[in-house]
mmCIF file of all heavy atoms, coordinates in Angstrom:
data_MODEL
# 
_entry.id   MODEL 
# 
loop_
_atom_site.group_PDB 
_atom_site.id 
_atom_site.type_symbol 
_atom_site.label_atom_id 
_atom_site.label_alt_id 
_atom_site.label_comp_id 
_atom_site.label_asym_id 
_atom_site.label_entity_id 
_atom_site.label_seq_id 
_atom_site.pdbx_PDB_ins_code 
_atom_site.Cartn_x 
_atom_site.Cartn_y 
_atom_site.Cartn_z 
_atom_site.occupancy 
_atom_site.B_iso_or_equiv 
_atom_site.pdbx_formal_charge 
_atom_site.auth_seq_id 
_atom_site.auth_comp_id 
_atom_site.auth_asym_id 
_atom_site.auth_atom_id 
_atom_site.pdbx_PDB_model_num 
ATOM 1   N N   . TRP A 1 1  ? 107.447 92.392  102.686 1.00 0.00 ? 1  TRP A N   1 
ATOM 2   C CA  . TRP A 1 1  ? 107.679 93.817  102.502 1.00 0.00 ? 1  TRP A CA  1 
ATOM 3   C C   . TRP A 1 1  ? 108.088 94.052  101.053 1.00 0.00 ? 1  TRP A C   1 
ATOM 4   O O   . TRP A 1 1  ? 108.913 93.325  100.506 1.00 0.00 ? 1  TRP A O   1 
ATOM 5   C CB  . TRP A 1 1  ? 108.780 94.302  103.444 1.00 0.00 ? 1  TRP A CB  1 
ATOM 6   C CG  . TRP A 1 1  ? 108.385 94.234  104.894 1.00 0.00 ? 1  TRP A CG  1 
ATOM 7   C CD1 . TRP A 1 1  ? 108.101 93.113  105.617 1.00 0.00 ? 1  TRP A CD1 1 
ATOM 8   C CD2 . TRP A 1 1  ? 108.219 95.336  105.781 1.00 0.00 ? 1  TRP A CD2 1 
ATOM 9   N NE1 . TRP A 1 1  ? 107.769 93.440  106.915 1.00 0.00 ? 1  TRP A NE1 1 
ATOM 10  C CE2 . TRP A 1 1  ? 107.828 94.803  107.040 1.00 0.00 ? 1  TRP A CE2 1 
ATOM 11  C CE3 . TRP A 1 1  ? 108.361 96.710  105.651 1.00 0.00 ? 1  TRP A CE3 1 
ATOM 12  C CZ2 . TRP A 1 1  ? 107.581 95.603  108.146 1.00 0.00 ? 1  TRP A CZ2 1 
ATOM 13  C CZ3 . TRP A 1 1  ? 108.122 97.523  106.755 1.00 0.00 ? 1  TRP A CZ3 1 
ATOM 14  C CH2 . TRP A 1 1  ? 107.736 96.972  107.983 1.00 0.00 ? 1  TRP A CH2 1 
ATOM 15  N N   . CYS A 1 2  ? 107.495 95.074  100.424 1.00 0.00 ? 2  CYS A N   1 
ATOM 16  C CA  . CYS A 1 2  ? 107.763 95.356  99.012  1.00 0.00 ? 2  CYS A CA  1 
ATOM 17  C C   . CYS A 1 2  ? 108.171 96.813  98.819  1.00 0.00 ? 2  CYS A C   1 
ATOM 18  O O   . CYS A 1 2  ? 107.882 97.676  99.650  1.00 0.00 ? 2  CYS A O   1 
ATOM 19  C CB  . CYS A 1 2  ? 106.532 95.053  98.158  1.00 0.00 ? 2  CYS A CB  1 
ATOM 20  S SG  . CYS A 1 2  ? 106.001 93.319  98.189  1.00 0.00 ? 2  CYS A SG  1 
ATOM 21  N N   . TRP A 1 3  ? 108.805 97.085  97.692  1.00 0.00 ? 3  TRP A N   1 
ATOM 22  C CA  . TRP A 1 3  ? 109.206 98.444  97.341  1.00 0.00 ? 3  TRP A CA  1 
ATOM 23  C C   . TRP A 1 3  ? 109.235 98.563  95.824  1.00 0.00 ? 3  TRP A C   1 
ATOM 24  O O   . TRP A 1 3  ? 109.211 97.584  95.097  1.00 0.00 ? 3  TRP A O   1 
ATOM 25  C CB  . TRP A 1 3  ? 110.570 98.783  97.931  1.00 0.00 ? 3  TRP A CB  1 
ATOM 26  C CG  . TRP A 1 3  ? 111.698 97.882  97.510  1.00 0.00 ? 3  TRP A CG  1 
ATOM 27  C CD1 . TRP A 1 3  ? 112.589 98.081  96.493  1.00 0.00 ? 3  TRP A CD1 1 
ATOM 28  C CD2 . TRP A 1 3  ? 112.073 96.624  98.114  1.00 0.00 ? 3  TRP A CD2 1 
ATOM 29  N NE1 . TRP A 1 3  ? 113.481 97.043  96.414  1.00 0.00 ? 3  TRP A NE1 1 
ATOM 30  C CE2 . TRP A 1 3  ? 113.196 96.141  97.390  1.00 0.00 ? 3  TRP A CE2 1 
ATOM 31  C CE3 . TRP A 1 3  ? 111.581 95.881  99.181  1.00 0.00 ? 3  TRP A CE3 1 
ATOM 32  C CZ2 . TRP A 1 3  ? 113.818 94.931  97.726  1.00 0.00 ? 3  TRP A CZ2 1 
ATOM 33  C CZ3 . TRP A 1 3  ? 112.192 94.674  99.496  1.00 0.00 ? 3  TRP A CZ3 1 
ATOM 34  C CH2 . TRP A 1 3  ? 113.301 94.222  98.774  1.00 0.00 ? 3  TRP A CH2 1 
ATOM 35  N N   . GLY A 1 4  ? 109.229 99.797  95.340  1.00 0.00 ? 4  GLY A N   1 
ATOM 36  C CA  . GLY A 1 4  ? 109.294 100.047 93.908  1.00 0.00 ? 4  GLY A CA  1 
ATOM 37  C C   . GLY A 1 4  ? 108.308 101.096 93.453  1.00 0.00 ? 4  GLY A C   1 
ATOM 38  O O   . GLY A 1 4  ? 107.889 101.972 94.225  1.00 0.00 ? 4  GLY A O   1 
ATOM 39  N N   . LYS A 1 5  ? 107.925 101.004 92.183  1.00 0.00 ? 5  LYS A N   1 
ATOM 40  C CA  . LYS A 1 5  ? 107.047 101.986 91.557  1.00 0.00 ? 5  LYS A CA  1 
ATOM 41  C C   . LYS A 1 5  ? 105.671 101.351 91.343  1.00 0.00 ? 5  LYS A C   1 
ATOM 42  O O   . LYS A 1 5  ? 105.517 100.407 90.566  1.00 0.00 ? 5  LYS A O   1 
ATOM 43  C CB  . LYS A 1 5  ? 107.639 102.428 90.219  1.00 0.00 ? 5  LYS A CB  1 
ATOM 44  C CG  . LYS A 1 5  ? 106.814 103.457 89.463  1.00 0.00 ? 5  LYS A CG  1 
ATOM 45  C CD  . LYS A 1 5  ? 107.455 103.724 88.111  1.00 0.00 ? 5  LYS A CD  1 
ATOM 46  C CE  . LYS A 1 5  ? 106.639 104.718 87.305  1.00 0.00 ? 5  LYS A CE  1 
ATOM 47  N NZ  . LYS A 1 5  ? 107.189 104.922 85.950  1.00 0.00 ? 5  LYS A NZ  1 
ATOM 48  N N   . ASN A 1 6  ? 104.672 101.887 92.004  1.00 0.00 ? 6  ASN A N   1 
ATOM 49  C CA  . ASN A 1 6  ? 103.340 101.289 91.951  1.00 0.00 ? 6  ASN A CA  1 
ATOM 50  C C   . ASN A 1 6  ? 102.495 101.968 90.875  1.00 0.00 ? 6  ASN A C   1 
ATOM 51  O O   . ASN A 1 6  ? 101.478 102.597 91.154  1.00 0.00 ? 6  ASN A O   1 
ATOM 52  C CB  . ASN A 1 6  ? 102.660 101.384 93.326  1.00 0.00 ? 6  ASN A CB  1 
ATOM 53  C CG  . ASN A 1 6  ? 101.388 100.571 93.387  1.00 0.00 ? 6  ASN A CG  1 
ATOM 54  O OD1 . ASN A 1 6  ? 101.175 99.674  92.579  1.00 0.00 ? 6  ASN A OD1 1 
ATOM 55  N ND2 . ASN A 1 6  ? 100.541 100.885 94.338  1.00 0.00 ? 6  ASN A ND2 1 
ATOM 56  N N   . ASP A 1 7  ? 102.883 101.795 89.627  1.00 0.00 ? 7  ASP A N   1 
ATOM 57  C CA  . ASP A 1 7  ? 102.157 102.398 88.517  1.00 0.00 ? 7  ASP A CA  1 
ATOM 58  C C   . ASP A 1 7  ? 100.709 101.935 88.429  1.00 0.00 ? 7  ASP A C   1 
ATOM 59  O O   . ASP A 1 7  ? 99.828  102.677 88.018  1.00 0.00 ? 7  ASP A O   1 
ATOM 60  C CB  . ASP A 1 7  ? 102.847 102.042 87.194  1.00 0.00 ? 7  ASP A CB  1 
ATOM 61  C CG  . ASP A 1 7  ? 103.946 103.028 86.848  1.00 0.00 ? 7  ASP A CG  1 
ATOM 62  O OD1 . ASP A 1 7  ? 104.111 104.002 87.601  1.00 0.00 ? 7  ASP A OD1 1 
ATOM 63  O OD2 . ASP A 1 7  ? 104.640 102.818 85.851  1.00 0.00 ? 7  ASP A OD2 1 
ATOM 64  N N   . PHE A 1 8  ? 100.473 100.689 88.790  1.00 0.00 ? 8  PHE A N   1 
ATOM 65  C CA  . PHE A 1 8  ? 99.177  100.088 88.527  1.00 0.00 ? 8  PHE A CA  1 
ATOM 66  C C   . PHE A 1 8  ? 98.220  100.204 89.710  1.00 0.00 ? 8  PHE A C   1 
ATOM 67  O O   . PHE A 1 8  ? 97.114  99.682  89.675  1.00 0.00 ? 8  PHE A O   1 
ATOM 68  C CB  . PHE A 1 8  ? 99.374  98.618  88.138  1.00 0.00 ? 8  PHE A CB  1 
ATOM 69  C CG  . PHE A 1 8  ? 100.288 98.467  86.958  1.00 0.00 ? 8  PHE A CG  1 
ATOM 70  C CD1 . PHE A 1 8  ? 101.601 98.044  87.121  1.00 0.00 ? 8  PHE A CD1 1 
ATOM 71  C CD2 . PHE A 1 8  ? 99.848  98.775  85.686  1.00 0.00 ? 8  PHE A CD2 1 
ATOM 72  C CE1 . PHE A 1 8  ? 102.440 97.920  86.037  1.00 0.00 ? 8  PHE A CE1 1 
ATOM 73  C CE2 . PHE A 1 8  ? 100.692 98.653  84.592  1.00 0.00 ? 8  PHE A CE2 1 
ATOM 74  C CZ  . PHE A 1 8  ? 101.991 98.230  84.770  1.00 0.00 ? 8  PHE A CZ  1 
ATOM 75  N N   . TYR A 1 9  ? 98.637  100.906 90.767  1.00 0.00 ? 9  TYR A N   1 
ATOM 76  C CA  . TYR A 1 9  ? 97.778  101.181 91.915  1.00 0.00 ? 9  TYR A CA  1 
ATOM 77  C C   . TYR A 1 9  ? 97.146  99.903  92.460  1.00 0.00 ? 9  TYR A C   1 
ATOM 78  O O   . TYR A 1 9  ? 95.971  99.875  92.829  1.00 0.00 ? 9  TYR A O   1 
ATOM 79  C CB  . TYR A 1 9  ? 96.695  102.205 91.544  1.00 0.00 ? 9  TYR A CB  1 
ATOM 80  C CG  . TYR A 1 9  ? 97.277  103.474 90.989  1.00 0.00 ? 9  TYR A CG  1 
ATOM 81  C CD1 . TYR A 1 9  ? 97.192  103.772 89.639  1.00 0.00 ? 9  TYR A CD1 1 
ATOM 82  C CD2 . TYR A 1 9  ? 97.966  104.355 91.815  1.00 0.00 ? 9  TYR A CD2 1 
ATOM 83  C CE1 . TYR A 1 9  ? 97.762  104.923 89.120  1.00 0.00 ? 9  TYR A CE1 1 
ATOM 84  C CE2 . TYR A 1 9  ? 98.546  105.507 91.313  1.00 0.00 ? 9  TYR A CE2 1 
ATOM 85  C CZ  . TYR A 1 9  ? 98.436  105.792 89.970  1.00 0.00 ? 9  TYR A CZ  1 
ATOM 86  O OH  . TYR A 1 9  ? 99.020  106.923 89.465  1.00 0.00 ? 9  TYR A OH  1 
ATOM 87  N N   . SER A 1 10 ? 97.929  98.857  92.500  1.00 0.00 ? 10 SER A N   1 
ATOM 88  C CA  . SER A 1 10 ? 97.429  97.589  92.991  1.00 0.00 ? 10 SER A CA  1 
ATOM 89  C C   . SER A 1 10 ? 98.019  97.203  94.339  1.00 0.00 ? 10 SER A C   1 
ATOM 90  O O   . SER A 1 10 ? 97.676  96.177  94.892  1.00 0.00 ? 10 SER A O   1 
ATOM 91  C CB  . SER A 1 10 ? 97.738  96.485  91.980  1.00 0.00 ? 10 SER A CB  1 
ATOM 92  O OG  . SER A 1 10 ? 99.134  96.418  91.741  1.00 0.00 ? 10 SER A OG  1 
ATOM 93  N N   . LEU A 1 11 ? 98.908  98.040  94.849  1.00 0.00 ? 11 LEU A N   1 
ATOM 94  C CA  . LEU A 1 11 ? 99.506  97.798  96.157  1.00 0.00 ? 11 LEU A CA  1 
ATOM 95  C C   . LEU A 1 11 ? 99.205  98.993  97.058  1.00 0.00 ? 11 LEU A C   1 
ATOM 96  O O   . LEU A 1 11 ? 98.851  100.067 96.582  1.00 0.00 ? 11 LEU A O   1 
ATOM 97  C CB  . LEU A 1 11 ? 101.015 97.579  96.012  1.00 0.00 ? 11 LEU A CB  1 
ATOM 98  C CG  . LEU A 1 11 ? 101.385 96.266  95.298  1.00 0.00 ? 11 LEU A CG  1 
ATOM 99  C CD1 . LEU A 1 11 ? 102.846 96.249  94.929  1.00 0.00 ? 11 LEU A CD1 1 
ATOM 100 C CD2 . LEU A 1 11 ? 101.041 95.063  96.161  1.00 0.00 ? 11 LEU A CD2 1 
ATOM 101 N N   . PRO A 1 12 ? 99.338  98.809  98.365  1.00 0.00 ? 12 PRO A N   1 
ATOM 102 C CA  . PRO A 1 12 ? 98.865  99.848  99.300  1.00 0.00 ? 12 PRO A CA  1 
ATOM 103 C C   . PRO A 1 12 ? 99.780  101.059 99.422  1.00 0.00 ? 12 PRO A C   1 
ATOM 104 O O   . PRO A 1 12 ? 100.123 101.480 100.508 1.00 0.00 ? 12 PRO A O   1 
ATOM 105 C CB  . PRO A 1 12 ? 98.766  99.080  100.621 1.00 0.00 ? 12 PRO A CB  1 
ATOM 106 C CG  . PRO A 1 12 ? 99.770  98.000  100.504 1.00 0.00 ? 12 PRO A CG  1 
ATOM 107 C CD  . PRO A 1 12 ? 99.757  97.590  99.059  1.00 0.00 ? 12 PRO A CD  1 
ATOM 108 N N   . TRP A 1 13 ? 100.210 101.626 98.284  1.00 0.00 ? 13 TRP A N   1 
ATOM 109 C CA  . TRP A 1 13 ? 100.876 102.911 98.272  1.00 0.00 ? 13 TRP A CA  1 
ATOM 110 C C   . TRP A 1 13 ? 100.745 103.494 96.872  1.00 0.00 ? 13 TRP A C   1 
ATOM 111 O O   . TRP A 1 13 ? 100.341 102.817 95.939  1.00 0.00 ? 13 TRP A O   1 
ATOM 112 C CB  . TRP A 1 13 ? 102.344 102.806 98.696  1.00 0.00 ? 13 TRP A CB  1 
ATOM 113 C CG  . TRP A 1 13 ? 103.268 102.186 97.693  1.00 0.00 ? 13 TRP A CG  1 
ATOM 114 C CD1 . TRP A 1 13 ? 103.817 102.769 96.590  1.00 0.00 ? 13 TRP A CD1 1 
ATOM 115 C CD2 . TRP A 1 13 ? 103.775 100.844 97.698  1.00 0.00 ? 13 TRP A CD2 1 
ATOM 116 N NE1 . TRP A 1 13 ? 104.633 101.882 95.914  1.00 0.00 ? 13 TRP A NE1 1 
ATOM 117 C CE2 . TRP A 1 13 ? 104.621 100.698 96.574  1.00 0.00 ? 13 TRP A CE2 1 
ATOM 118 C CE3 . TRP A 1 13 ? 103.613 99.764  98.570  1.00 0.00 ? 13 TRP A CE3 1 
ATOM 119 C CZ2 . TRP A 1 13 ? 105.290 99.518  96.294  1.00 0.00 ? 13 TRP A CZ2 1 
ATOM 120 C CZ3 . TRP A 1 13 ? 104.271 98.583  98.278  1.00 0.00 ? 13 TRP A CZ3 1 
ATOM 121 C CH2 . TRP A 1 13 ? 105.103 98.466  97.156  1.00 0.00 ? 13 TRP A CH2 1 
ATOM 122 N N   . ARG A 1 14 ? 101.099 104.740 96.718  1.00 0.00 ? 14 ARG A N   1 
ATOM 123 C CA  . ARG A 1 14 ? 101.044 105.403 95.420  1.00 0.00 ? 14 ARG A CA  1 
ATOM 124 C C   . ARG A 1 14 ? 102.428 105.911 95.061  1.00 0.00 ? 14 ARG A C   1 
ATOM 125 O O   . ARG A 1 14 ? 103.148 106.418 95.921  1.00 0.00 ? 14 ARG A O   1 
ATOM 126 C CB  . ARG A 1 14 ? 100.046 106.575 95.445  1.00 0.00 ? 14 ARG A CB  1 
ATOM 127 C CG  . ARG A 1 14 ? 98.606  106.143 95.693  1.00 0.00 ? 14 ARG A CG  1 
ATOM 128 C CD  . ARG A 1 14 ? 98.040  105.372 94.508  1.00 0.00 ? 14 ARG A CD  1 
ATOM 129 N NE  . ARG A 1 14 ? 96.656  104.998 94.717  1.00 0.00 ? 14 ARG A NE  1 
ATOM 130 C CZ  . ARG A 1 14 ? 96.257  103.820 95.189  1.00 0.00 ? 14 ARG A CZ  1 
ATOM 131 N NH1 . ARG A 1 14 ? 97.150  102.922 95.523  1.00 0.00 ? 14 ARG A NH1 1 
ATOM 132 N NH2 . ARG A 1 14 ? 94.968  103.550 95.330  1.00 0.00 ? 14 ARG A NH2 1 
ATOM 133 N N   . GLY A 1 15 ? 102.788 105.792 93.786  1.00 0.00 ? 15 GLY A N   1 
ATOM 134 C CA  . GLY A 1 15 ? 104.062 106.312 93.328  1.00 0.00 ? 15 GLY A CA  1 
ATOM 135 C C   . GLY A 1 15 ? 105.237 105.464 93.769  1.00 0.00 ? 15 GLY A C   1 
ATOM 136 O O   . GLY A 1 15 ? 105.217 104.247 93.687  1.00 0.00 ? 15 GLY A O   1 
ATOM 137 N N   . ILE A 1 16 ? 106.293 106.117 94.281  1.00 0.00 ? 16 ILE A N   1 
ATOM 138 C CA  . ILE A 1 16 ? 107.531 105.452 94.669  1.00 0.00 ? 16 ILE A CA  1 
ATOM 139 C C   . ILE A 1 16 ? 107.526 105.200 96.164  1.00 0.00 ? 16 ILE A C   1 
ATOM 140 O O   . ILE A 1 16 ? 107.163 106.068 96.965  1.00 0.00 ? 16 ILE A O   1 
ATOM 141 C CB  . ILE A 1 16 ? 108.754 106.306 94.293  1.00 0.00 ? 16 ILE A CB  1 
ATOM 142 C CG1 . ILE A 1 16 ? 108.729 106.618 92.798  1.00 0.00 ? 16 ILE A CG1 1 
ATOM 143 C CG2 . ILE A 1 16 ? 110.042 105.587 94.670  1.00 0.00 ? 16 ILE A CG2 1 
ATOM 144 C CD1 . ILE A 1 16 ? 108.728 105.406 91.906  1.00 0.00 ? 16 ILE A CD1 1 
ATOM 145 N N   . ARG A 1 17 ? 107.963 104.030 96.555  1.00 0.00 ? 17 ARG A N   1 
ATOM 146 C CA  . ARG A 1 17 ? 107.969 103.703 97.973  1.00 0.00 ? 17 ARG A CA  1 
ATOM 147 C C   . ARG A 1 17 ? 109.164 102.820 98.287  1.00 0.00 ? 17 ARG A C   1 
ATOM 148 O O   . ARG A 1 17 ? 109.540 101.941 97.514  1.00 0.00 ? 17 ARG A O   1 
ATOM 149 C CB  . ARG A 1 17 ? 106.681 102.962 98.350  1.00 0.00 ? 17 ARG A CB  1 
ATOM 150 C CG  . ARG A 1 17 ? 106.540 102.637 99.838  1.00 0.00 ? 17 ARG A CG  1 
ATOM 151 C CD  . ARG A 1 17 ? 106.191 103.868 100.636 1.00 0.00 ? 17 ARG A CD  1 
ATOM 152 N NE  . ARG A 1 17 ? 106.168 103.625 102.063 1.00 0.00 ? 17 ARG A NE  1 
ATOM 153 C CZ  . ARG A 1 17 ? 105.080 103.730 102.834 1.00 0.00 ? 17 ARG A CZ  1 
ATOM 154 N NH1 . ARG A 1 17 ? 103.920 104.070 102.309 1.00 0.00 ? 17 ARG A NH1 1 
ATOM 155 N NH2 . ARG A 1 17 ? 105.145 103.522 104.126 1.00 0.00 ? 17 ARG A NH2 1 
ATOM 156 N N   . GLY A 1 18 ? 109.778 103.062 99.447  1.00 0.00 ? 18 GLY A N   1 
ATOM 157 C CA  . GLY A 1 18 ? 110.781 102.158 99.973  1.00 0.00 ? 18 GLY A CA  1 
ATOM 158 C C   . GLY A 1 18 ? 110.088 100.965 100.602 1.00 0.00 ? 18 GLY A C   1 
ATOM 159 O O   . GLY A 1 18 ? 108.875 100.793 100.498 1.00 0.00 ? 18 GLY A O   1 
ATOM 160 N N   . PRO A 1 19 ? 110.807 100.103 101.317 1.00 0.00 ? 19 PRO A N   1 
ATOM 161 C CA  . PRO A 1 19 ? 110.201 98.902  101.883 1.00 0.00 ? 19 PRO A CA  1 
ATOM 162 C C   . PRO A 1 19 ? 108.963 99.212  102.718 1.00 0.00 ? 19 PRO A C   1 
ATOM 163 O O   . PRO A 1 19 ? 108.987 100.085 103.591 1.00 0.00 ? 19 PRO A O   1 
ATOM 164 C CB  . PRO A 1 19 ? 111.322 98.322  102.738 1.00 0.00 ? 19 PRO A CB  1 
ATOM 165 C CG  . PRO A 1 19 ? 112.581 98.777  102.075 1.00 0.00 ? 19 PRO A CG  1 
ATOM 166 C CD  . PRO A 1 19 ? 112.252 100.165 101.569 1.00 0.00 ? 19 PRO A CD  1 
ATOM 167 N N   . HIS A 1 20 ? 107.874 98.488  102.416 1.00 0.00 ? 20 HIS A N   1 
ATOM 168 C CA  . HIS A 1 20 ? 106.585 98.723  103.054 1.00 0.00 ? 20 HIS A CA  1 
ATOM 169 C C   . HIS A 1 20 ? 105.921 97.367  103.258 1.00 0.00 ? 20 HIS A C   1 
ATOM 170 O O   . HIS A 1 20 ? 105.932 96.522  102.363 1.00 0.00 ? 20 HIS A O   1 
ATOM 171 C CB  . HIS A 1 20 ? 105.711 99.610  102.156 1.00 0.00 ? 20 HIS A CB  1 
ATOM 172 C CG  . HIS A 1 20 ? 104.342 99.887  102.692 1.00 0.00 ? 20 HIS A CG  1 
ATOM 173 N ND1 . HIS A 1 20 ? 104.099 100.870 103.631 1.00 0.00 ? 20 HIS A ND1 1 
ATOM 174 C CD2 . HIS A 1 20 ? 103.139 99.320  102.425 1.00 0.00 ? 20 HIS A CD2 1 
ATOM 175 C CE1 . HIS A 1 20 ? 102.813 100.891 103.914 1.00 0.00 ? 20 HIS A CE1 1 
ATOM 176 N NE2 . HIS A 1 20 ? 102.208 99.972  103.199 1.00 0.00 ? 20 HIS A NE2 1 
ATOM 177 N N   . GLU A 1 21 ? 105.343 97.150  104.428 1.00 0.00 ? 21 GLU A N   1 
ATOM 178 C CA  . GLU A 1 21 ? 104.699 95.868  104.693 1.00 0.00 ? 21 GLU A CA  1 
ATOM 179 C C   . GLU A 1 21 ? 103.438 95.739  103.837 1.00 0.00 ? 21 GLU A C   1 
ATOM 180 O O   . GLU A 1 21 ? 102.524 96.539  103.903 1.00 0.00 ? 21 GLU A O   1 
ATOM 181 C CB  . GLU A 1 21 ? 104.331 95.746  106.173 1.00 0.00 ? 21 GLU A CB  1 
ATOM 182 C CG  . GLU A 1 21 ? 103.779 94.357  106.514 1.00 0.00 ? 21 GLU A CG  1 
ATOM 183 C CD  . GLU A 1 21 ? 103.429 94.202  107.987 1.00 0.00 ? 21 GLU A CD  1 
ATOM 184 O OE1 . GLU A 1 21 ? 102.425 94.833  108.405 1.00 0.00 ? 21 GLU A OE1 1 
ATOM 185 O OE2 . GLU A 1 21 ? 104.162 93.498  108.696 1.00 0.00 ? 21 GLU A OE2 1 
ATOM 186 N N   . VAL A 1 22 ? 103.393 94.683  103.029 1.00 0.00 ? 22 VAL A N   1 
ATOM 187 C CA  . VAL A 1 22 ? 102.277 94.416  102.138 1.00 0.00 ? 22 VAL A CA  1 
ATOM 188 C C   . VAL A 1 22 ? 101.416 93.255  102.664 1.00 0.00 ? 22 VAL A C   1 
ATOM 189 O O   . VAL A 1 22 ? 100.200 93.281  102.569 1.00 0.00 ? 22 VAL A O   1 
ATOM 190 C CB  . VAL A 1 22 ? 102.785 94.117  100.717 1.00 0.00 ? 22 VAL A CB  1 
ATOM 191 C CG1 . VAL A 1 22 ? 101.662 93.641  99.808  1.00 0.00 ? 22 VAL A CG1 1 
ATOM 192 C CG2 . VAL A 1 22 ? 103.440 95.363  100.122 1.00 0.00 ? 22 VAL A CG2 1 
ATOM 193 N N   . ILE A 1 23 ? 102.085 92.251  103.209 1.00 0.00 ? 23 ILE A N   1 
ATOM 194 C CA  . ILE A 1 23 ? 101.374 91.094  103.784 1.00 0.00 ? 23 ILE A CA  1 
ATOM 195 C C   . ILE A 1 23 ? 101.873 90.917  105.213 1.00 0.00 ? 23 ILE A C   1 
ATOM 196 O O   . ILE A 1 23 ? 103.059 90.652  105.436 1.00 0.00 ? 23 ILE A O   1 
ATOM 197 C CB  . ILE A 1 23 ? 101.614 89.815  102.979 1.00 0.00 ? 23 ILE A CB  1 
ATOM 198 C CG1 . ILE A 1 23 ? 101.169 90.024  101.523 1.00 0.00 ? 23 ILE A CG1 1 
ATOM 199 C CG2 . ILE A 1 23 ? 100.858 88.644  103.600 1.00 0.00 ? 23 ILE A CG2 1 
ATOM 200 C CD1 . ILE A 1 23 ? 101.411 88.826  100.625 1.00 0.00 ? 23 ILE A CD1 1 
ATOM 201 N N   . PRO A 1 24 ? 101.023 91.084  106.209 1.00 0.00 ? 24 PRO A N   1 
ATOM 202 C CA  . PRO A 1 24 ? 101.459 90.971  107.602 1.00 0.00 ? 24 PRO A CA  1 
ATOM 203 C C   . PRO A 1 24 ? 101.761 89.528  107.980 1.00 0.00 ? 24 PRO A C   1 
ATOM 204 O O   . PRO A 1 24 ? 101.419 88.594  107.239 1.00 0.00 ? 24 PRO A O   1 
ATOM 205 C CB  . PRO A 1 24 ? 100.261 91.513  108.387 1.00 0.00 ? 24 PRO A CB  1 
ATOM 206 C CG  . PRO A 1 24 ? 99.083  91.258  107.501 1.00 0.00 ? 24 PRO A CG  1 
ATOM 207 C CD  . PRO A 1 24 ? 99.581  91.425  106.096 1.00 0.00 ? 24 PRO A CD  1 
# 
């Protein structure tokens, strides 16, 4: 699970996000 600022649009969310499952 990851969180932070996804400036580079390389993770499955846009902008600011709290904890989000990235690798199941």
